[in-house]
């Protein structure tokens, strides 16, 4: 793990993961919602957030008619 954070010493396998981690220390949130202007550190979080505005629920339960905005919500439902 040659990529080490100069702020906290945490090590990462690649530079991309280190750069994403560094956003925690800088407070930078480069991904902004076009609906409400809320900002996020990760593009994946923005994609899930945007579904609040669009109503998109792409994760369908295989056992009932319910649909969910995120895979984690579906997994929680299935437990």
Protein backbone atom coordinates (compact mmCIF):
# COMPACT_ATOMS: atom_id res chain seq x y z
CA UNK A 1 0.00 0.00 0.00
CA UNK A 2 2.31 2.73 -1.24
CA UNK A 3 -0.21 5.61 -1.29
CA UNK A 4 -0.27 7.21 2.16
CA UNK A 5 -2.41 10.13 3.33
CA UNK A 6 -0.16 12.93 4.56
CA UNK A 7 -2.84 14.10 7.03
CA UNK A 8 -3.69 10.89 8.88
CA UNK A 9 -1.23 8.24 7.69
CA UNK A 10 -3.87 5.90 6.28
CA UNK A 11 -2.54 3.83 3.35
CA UNK A 12 -4.28 2.97 0.09
CA UNK A 13 -3.63 0.61 -2.82
CA UNK A 14 -3.98 3.25 -5.51
CA UNK A 15 -3.78 7.00 -5.97
CA UNK A 16 -7.45 7.31 -7.01
CA UNK A 17 -8.63 5.93 -3.66
CA UNK A 18 -6.20 8.21 -1.81
CA UNK A 19 -7.51 11.27 -3.71
CA UNK A 20 -11.10 10.33 -2.83
CA UNK A 21 -10.07 9.88 0.84
CA UNK A 22 -8.36 13.30 0.89
CA UNK A 23 -11.77 14.95 0.35
CA UNK A 24 -12.55 14.04 3.98
CA UNK A 25 -9.72 16.29 5.15
CA UNK A 26 -10.28 19.14 2.69
CA UNK A 27 -14.06 19.20 3.12
CA UNK A 28 -14.41 19.47 -0.65
CA UNK A 29 -17.70 18.24 -2.12
CA UNK A 30 -17.33 18.54 -5.89
CA UNK A 31 -20.58 16.80 -6.94
CA UNK A 32 -23.62 19.10 -6.79
CA UNK A 33 -27.30 18.23 -7.23
CA UNK A 34 -28.85 20.22 -10.09
CA UNK A 35 -32.24 20.13 -8.34
CA UNK A 36 -31.40 21.46 -4.86
CA UNK A 37 -27.67 22.40 -4.99
CA UNK A 38 -26.74 20.00 -2.17
CA UNK A 39 -23.13 18.84 -2.60
CA UNK A 40 -21.49 15.46 -2.14
CA UNK A 41 -17.97 14.02 -1.94
CA UNK A 42 -18.77 11.03 -4.16
CA UNK A 43 -20.58 10.93 -7.50
CA UNK A 44 -22.27 7.67 -6.47
CA UNK A 45 -23.86 9.42 -3.48
CA UNK A 46 -25.15 12.18 -5.77
CA UNK A 47 -26.71 9.60 -8.11
CA UNK A 48 -28.64 8.02 -5.22
CA UNK A 49 -29.62 11.45 -3.83
CA UNK A 50 -30.93 12.60 -7.22
CA UNK A 51 -33.49 9.77 -7.10
CA UNK A 52 -35.25 11.66 -4.28
CA UNK A 53 -36.12 14.32 -6.85
CA UNK A 54 -36.83 12.05 -9.83
CA UNK A 55 -38.68 9.32 -7.93
CA UNK A 56 -36.59 6.65 -9.68
CA UNK A 57 -36.59 3.33 -7.81
CA UNK A 58 -34.51 0.90 -9.88
CA UNK A 59 -34.17 -1.87 -7.27
CA UNK A 60 -37.21 -4.18 -7.25
CA UNK A 61 -37.85 -6.70 -4.53
CA UNK A 62 -37.99 -10.24 -5.95
CA UNK A 63 -40.51 -11.25 -3.27
CA UNK A 64 -43.05 -8.40 -3.35
CA UNK A 65 -44.01 -5.40 -5.54
CA UNK A 66 -41.90 -2.87 -3.60
CA UNK A 67 -39.11 -0.92 -5.31
CA UNK A 68 -36.21 1.01 -3.76
CA UNK A 69 -33.87 3.89 -4.58
CA UNK A 70 -30.72 2.07 -3.46
CA UNK A 71 -29.45 -1.48 -3.33
CA UNK A 72 -28.77 -1.07 0.40
CA UNK A 73 -32.44 -0.22 1.02
CA UNK A 74 -33.48 -3.33 -0.88
CA UNK A 75 -31.03 -5.48 1.12
CA UNK A 76 -32.39 -4.04 4.39
CA UNK A 77 -35.95 -4.80 3.24
CA UNK A 78 -35.02 -8.40 2.41
CA UNK A 79 -33.63 -9.10 5.92
